[in-house]
N, C-alpha and C. Protein backbone atom coordinates (compact mmCIF):
# COMPACT_ATOMS: atom_id res chain seq x y z
N MET A 1 0.80 -1.21 0.00
CA MET A 1 0.00 0.00 0.00
C MET A 1 0.85 1.27 0.00
N VAL A 2 1.97 1.24 0.65
CA VAL A 2 2.79 2.46 0.75
C VAL A 2 3.89 2.53 -0.30
N GLU A 3 4.02 1.48 -1.09
CA GLU A 3 5.08 1.42 -2.09
C GLU A 3 5.09 2.60 -3.06
N PRO A 4 3.92 3.11 -3.51
CA PRO A 4 3.95 4.22 -4.46
C PRO A 4 4.50 5.53 -3.88
N PHE A 5 4.58 5.64 -2.57
CA PHE A 5 5.03 6.88 -1.96
C PHE A 5 6.55 6.94 -1.92
N LYS A 6 7.10 8.11 -2.22
CA LYS A 6 8.55 8.28 -2.26
C LYS A 6 9.18 8.12 -0.89
N ARG A 7 8.47 8.58 0.13
CA ARG A 7 8.99 8.45 1.49
C ARG A 7 7.82 8.37 2.46
N ILE A 8 8.10 7.82 3.61
CA ILE A 8 7.09 7.69 4.66
C ILE A 8 7.52 8.60 5.80
N LEU A 9 6.63 9.52 6.15
CA LEU A 9 6.90 10.42 7.26
C LEU A 9 6.31 9.82 8.53
N VAL A 10 7.05 9.88 9.59
CA VAL A 10 6.60 9.40 10.89
C VAL A 10 6.91 10.46 11.94
N THR A 11 6.26 10.36 13.06
CA THR A 11 6.55 11.26 14.18
C THR A 11 7.06 10.44 15.36
N PRO A 12 7.78 11.06 16.28
CA PRO A 12 8.20 10.33 17.48
C PRO A 12 6.99 9.78 18.23
N ASN A 13 5.87 10.51 18.19
CA ASN A 13 4.66 10.08 18.89
C ASN A 13 4.16 8.74 18.34
N THR A 14 4.05 8.65 17.01
CA THR A 14 3.52 7.42 16.42
C THR A 14 4.49 6.26 16.60
N LEU A 15 5.77 6.54 16.52
CA LEU A 15 6.76 5.48 16.71
C LEU A 15 6.73 4.96 18.14
N THR A 16 6.56 5.85 19.09
CA THR A 16 6.48 5.43 20.49
C THR A 16 5.24 4.57 20.72
N GLU A 17 4.12 4.99 20.17
CA GLU A 17 2.89 4.20 20.33
C GLU A 17 3.05 2.83 19.69
N ALA A 18 3.64 2.78 18.50
CA ALA A 18 3.86 1.49 17.83
C ALA A 18 4.78 0.60 18.66
N SER A 19 5.85 1.17 19.16
CA SER A 19 6.79 0.40 19.99
C SER A 19 6.11 -0.15 21.23
N ASN A 20 5.30 0.67 21.88
CA ASN A 20 4.59 0.22 23.09
C ASN A 20 3.61 -0.91 22.78
N LEU A 21 2.90 -0.80 21.67
CA LEU A 21 1.96 -1.87 21.29
C LEU A 21 2.69 -3.16 20.94
N LEU A 22 3.75 -3.05 20.15
CA LEU A 22 4.50 -4.23 19.76
C LEU A 22 5.19 -4.87 20.97
N GLY A 23 5.58 -4.04 21.92
CA GLY A 23 6.24 -4.54 23.12
C GLY A 23 5.34 -5.36 24.03
N GLN A 24 4.05 -5.35 23.78
CA GLN A 24 3.11 -6.13 24.59
C GLN A 24 3.08 -7.61 24.19
N HIS A 25 3.72 -7.94 23.07
CA HIS A 25 3.80 -9.34 22.63
C HIS A 25 4.86 -10.07 23.45
N ARG A 26 4.84 -11.37 23.38
CA ARG A 26 5.86 -12.19 24.04
C ARG A 26 6.92 -12.58 23.03
N ASP A 27 8.12 -12.84 23.54
CA ASP A 27 9.19 -13.34 22.67
C ASP A 27 8.87 -14.75 22.23
N PRO A 28 9.26 -15.17 21.06
CA PRO A 28 10.18 -14.51 20.13
C PRO A 28 9.47 -13.49 19.21
N GLU A 29 8.14 -13.51 19.19
CA GLU A 29 7.39 -12.59 18.32
C GLU A 29 7.73 -11.13 18.61
N LYS A 30 7.83 -10.79 19.90
CA LYS A 30 8.14 -9.40 20.30
C LYS A 30 9.44 -8.93 19.68
N SER A 31 10.48 -9.72 19.79
CA SER A 31 11.79 -9.35 19.24
C SER A 31 11.73 -9.18 17.74
N GLN A 32 11.01 -10.07 17.06
CA GLN A 32 10.88 -9.99 15.60
C GLN A 32 10.12 -8.73 15.20
N LEU A 33 9.05 -8.42 15.91
CA LEU A 33 8.26 -7.23 15.60
C LEU A 33 9.06 -5.95 15.85
N LEU A 34 9.78 -5.90 16.95
CA LEU A 34 10.58 -4.71 17.24
C LEU A 34 11.74 -4.56 16.26
N GLU A 35 12.28 -5.66 15.77
CA GLU A 35 13.32 -5.59 14.73
C GLU A 35 12.73 -5.04 13.43
N THR A 36 11.52 -5.46 13.10
CA THR A 36 10.83 -4.93 11.92
C THR A 36 10.58 -3.43 12.08
N LEU A 37 10.19 -3.02 13.28
CA LEU A 37 9.99 -1.60 13.56
C LEU A 37 11.31 -0.84 13.40
N ARG A 38 12.40 -1.41 13.88
CA ARG A 38 13.71 -0.77 13.75
C ARG A 38 14.05 -0.52 12.28
N ILE A 39 13.81 -1.52 11.43
CA ILE A 39 14.07 -1.39 10.00
C ILE A 39 13.16 -0.32 9.40
N PHE A 40 11.90 -0.35 9.79
CA PHE A 40 10.94 0.65 9.30
C PHE A 40 11.39 2.07 9.67
N ILE A 41 11.83 2.25 10.89
CA ILE A 41 12.31 3.55 11.35
C ILE A 41 13.50 4.00 10.51
N ASP A 42 14.41 3.08 10.25
CA ASP A 42 15.60 3.39 9.47
C ASP A 42 15.25 3.84 8.06
N GLU A 43 14.15 3.33 7.51
CA GLU A 43 13.75 3.64 6.14
C GLU A 43 12.75 4.80 6.06
N SER A 44 12.35 5.34 7.19
CA SER A 44 11.36 6.41 7.24
C SER A 44 12.03 7.76 7.43
N CYS A 45 11.24 8.79 7.29
CA CYS A 45 11.70 10.16 7.52
C CYS A 45 10.93 10.70 8.74
N GLU A 46 11.66 10.92 9.82
CA GLU A 46 11.01 11.36 11.05
C GLU A 46 10.88 12.88 11.09
N ILE A 47 9.66 13.33 11.36
CA ILE A 47 9.42 14.76 11.54
C ILE A 47 8.91 14.97 12.95
N VAL A 48 9.22 16.12 13.49
CA VAL A 48 8.80 16.44 14.86
C VAL A 48 7.76 17.54 14.82
N VAL A 49 6.67 17.29 15.50
CA VAL A 49 5.65 18.31 15.73
C VAL A 49 5.68 18.56 17.23
N ALA A 50 6.06 19.75 17.61
CA ALA A 50 6.16 20.05 19.04
C ALA A 50 4.81 19.85 19.72
N SER A 51 4.84 19.28 20.89
CA SER A 51 3.60 19.06 21.64
C SER A 51 2.86 20.36 21.88
N ALA A 52 3.61 21.44 22.13
CA ALA A 52 2.97 22.75 22.36
C ALA A 52 2.22 23.20 21.11
N GLU A 53 2.78 22.91 19.93
CA GLU A 53 2.09 23.26 18.68
C GLU A 53 0.81 22.45 18.52
N ALA A 54 0.90 21.15 18.73
CA ALA A 54 -0.28 20.28 18.59
C ALA A 54 -1.35 20.65 19.62
N ALA A 55 -0.92 21.00 20.82
CA ALA A 55 -1.87 21.32 21.89
C ALA A 55 -2.69 22.57 21.59
N LYS A 56 -2.21 23.41 20.69
CA LYS A 56 -2.95 24.62 20.32
C LYS A 56 -4.06 24.32 19.32
N HIS A 57 -4.02 23.16 18.69
CA HIS A 57 -5.01 22.78 17.67
C HIS A 57 -6.33 22.43 18.35
N ARG A 58 -7.41 22.84 17.75
CA ARG A 58 -8.73 22.61 18.36
C ARG A 58 -9.11 21.13 18.47
N ALA A 59 -8.44 20.26 17.72
CA ALA A 59 -8.77 18.83 17.74
C ALA A 59 -8.15 18.07 18.91
N ILE A 60 -7.29 18.71 19.68
CA ILE A 60 -6.56 18.01 20.75
C ILE A 60 -7.50 17.34 21.75
N ALA A 61 -8.59 18.00 22.10
CA ALA A 61 -9.51 17.44 23.10
C ALA A 61 -10.23 16.20 22.58
N ARG A 62 -10.37 16.11 21.28
CA ARG A 62 -11.10 14.99 20.68
C ARG A 62 -10.16 13.87 20.23
N LEU A 63 -8.99 14.23 19.70
CA LEU A 63 -8.11 13.25 19.09
C LEU A 63 -6.92 12.83 19.94
N GLY A 64 -6.53 13.67 20.89
CA GLY A 64 -5.34 13.37 21.67
C GLY A 64 -4.09 13.90 20.98
N LEU A 65 -2.96 13.79 21.66
CA LEU A 65 -1.72 14.40 21.20
C LEU A 65 -1.16 13.78 19.92
N THR A 66 -1.04 12.47 19.88
CA THR A 66 -0.43 11.82 18.71
C THR A 66 -1.20 12.13 17.44
N ASP A 67 -2.51 11.92 17.45
CA ASP A 67 -3.31 12.15 16.25
C ASP A 67 -3.36 13.62 15.87
N THR A 68 -3.41 14.50 16.84
CA THR A 68 -3.43 15.93 16.54
C THR A 68 -2.11 16.37 15.93
N ALA A 69 -1.01 15.82 16.40
CA ALA A 69 0.29 16.13 15.80
C ALA A 69 0.30 15.73 14.33
N LEU A 70 -0.27 14.58 14.02
CA LEU A 70 -0.36 14.16 12.62
C LEU A 70 -1.23 15.12 11.82
N LEU A 71 -2.33 15.51 12.41
CA LEU A 71 -3.26 16.43 11.75
C LEU A 71 -2.59 17.77 11.43
N CYS A 72 -1.64 18.16 12.25
CA CYS A 72 -0.91 19.43 12.02
C CYS A 72 -0.07 19.40 10.74
N ARG A 73 0.25 18.22 10.23
CA ARG A 73 1.12 18.11 9.06
C ARG A 73 0.41 17.57 7.81
N VAL A 74 -0.87 17.28 7.89
CA VAL A 74 -1.60 16.71 6.77
C VAL A 74 -1.80 17.73 5.66
N THR A 75 -1.42 17.34 4.45
CA THR A 75 -1.68 18.13 3.25
C THR A 75 -1.89 17.17 2.09
N ARG A 76 -2.26 17.70 0.97
CA ARG A 76 -2.39 16.89 -0.24
C ARG A 76 -1.05 16.27 -0.63
N LYS A 77 0.02 17.03 -0.41
CA LYS A 77 1.36 16.54 -0.77
C LYS A 77 1.91 15.56 0.26
N THR A 78 1.41 15.63 1.49
CA THR A 78 1.80 14.69 2.54
C THR A 78 0.54 14.10 3.15
N PRO A 79 -0.12 13.19 2.41
CA PRO A 79 -1.38 12.63 2.89
C PRO A 79 -1.18 11.69 4.08
N LEU A 80 -2.22 11.57 4.84
CA LEU A 80 -2.24 10.69 6.00
C LEU A 80 -2.80 9.33 5.59
N PHE A 81 -2.13 8.27 5.99
CA PHE A 81 -2.55 6.90 5.74
C PHE A 81 -2.90 6.31 7.09
N THR A 82 -4.18 5.98 7.32
CA THR A 82 -4.61 5.57 8.66
C THR A 82 -5.74 4.55 8.63
N VAL A 83 -5.90 3.83 9.74
CA VAL A 83 -7.07 2.97 9.94
C VAL A 83 -8.02 3.61 10.95
N ASP A 84 -7.61 4.72 11.52
CA ASP A 84 -8.39 5.40 12.56
C ASP A 84 -9.45 6.29 11.89
N LEU A 85 -10.71 5.88 12.02
CA LEU A 85 -11.79 6.59 11.33
C LEU A 85 -11.90 8.04 11.78
N GLU A 86 -11.83 8.29 13.08
CA GLU A 86 -11.96 9.66 13.57
C GLU A 86 -10.85 10.56 13.04
N LEU A 87 -9.62 10.04 13.02
CA LEU A 87 -8.50 10.79 12.49
C LEU A 87 -8.66 11.00 10.98
N TYR A 88 -9.09 9.98 10.28
CA TYR A 88 -9.31 10.08 8.84
C TYR A 88 -10.34 11.17 8.52
N LEU A 89 -11.44 11.18 9.27
CA LEU A 89 -12.48 12.18 9.03
C LEU A 89 -11.98 13.59 9.32
N ALA A 90 -11.20 13.74 10.39
CA ALA A 90 -10.64 15.05 10.73
C ALA A 90 -9.69 15.53 9.63
N ALA A 91 -8.84 14.64 9.14
CA ALA A 91 -7.91 15.00 8.07
C ALA A 91 -8.65 15.31 6.78
N SER A 92 -9.70 14.57 6.51
CA SER A 92 -10.51 14.81 5.31
C SER A 92 -11.18 16.18 5.34
N MET A 93 -11.44 16.67 6.54
CA MET A 93 -12.03 18.01 6.65
C MET A 93 -10.99 19.09 6.34
N VAL A 94 -9.71 18.80 6.56
CA VAL A 94 -8.65 19.73 6.19
C VAL A 94 -8.61 19.82 4.67
N ASP A 95 -8.66 18.65 4.02
CA ASP A 95 -8.67 18.55 2.56
C ASP A 95 -9.11 17.12 2.23
N PRO A 96 -10.16 16.95 1.45
CA PRO A 96 -10.65 15.59 1.15
C PRO A 96 -9.60 14.68 0.51
N TYR A 97 -8.57 15.27 -0.08
CA TYR A 97 -7.53 14.48 -0.73
C TYR A 97 -6.27 14.35 0.13
N SER A 98 -6.38 14.67 1.40
CA SER A 98 -5.21 14.63 2.27
C SER A 98 -5.19 13.41 3.18
N ALA A 99 -6.14 12.50 3.00
CA ALA A 99 -6.18 11.32 3.87
C ALA A 99 -6.59 10.08 3.09
N ILE A 100 -5.99 8.97 3.47
CA ILE A 100 -6.31 7.68 2.87
C ILE A 100 -6.70 6.75 4.01
N ASN A 101 -7.88 6.17 3.90
CA ASN A 101 -8.36 5.24 4.92
C ASN A 101 -8.01 3.82 4.49
N TYR A 102 -7.13 3.19 5.23
CA TYR A 102 -6.69 1.83 4.90
C TYR A 102 -7.87 0.86 4.84
N ARG A 103 -8.88 1.08 5.65
CA ARG A 103 -10.04 0.19 5.66
C ARG A 103 -10.71 0.10 4.29
N HIS A 104 -10.60 1.15 3.48
CA HIS A 104 -11.18 1.14 2.15
C HIS A 104 -10.48 0.14 1.22
N PHE A 105 -9.26 -0.23 1.56
CA PHE A 105 -8.47 -1.13 0.73
C PHE A 105 -8.27 -2.50 1.36
N GLN A 106 -8.61 -2.63 2.62
CA GLN A 106 -8.29 -3.81 3.41
C GLN A 106 -8.86 -5.09 2.83
N ASP A 107 -10.06 -5.08 2.32
CA ASP A 107 -10.69 -6.32 1.85
C ASP A 107 -10.40 -6.64 0.39
N ARG A 108 -9.62 -5.81 -0.26
CA ARG A 108 -9.32 -6.05 -1.68
C ARG A 108 -8.28 -7.12 -1.87
């Protein structure tokens, strides 16, 4: 799904959440998943959205810090790829072409 994109942008927030979720598995699966995450991080482009900047956005109370930080960077040129419906809808309100809902492609 992400192959057509030249680069994948990630934030420290999303990487931390992914690491925490993957860390809930037991070994040997946990080690394999975290190694895959390490490779993914190495191949991604990390951008930082300051928490203070995200906290100023009106969506913070509804979406939380991680999702609001992503919303701060969503554009047509840097679309959001997500399974989170609430985040997808919020990004679509910024620009209908700035978000891709993975669920739309999942069953194909």
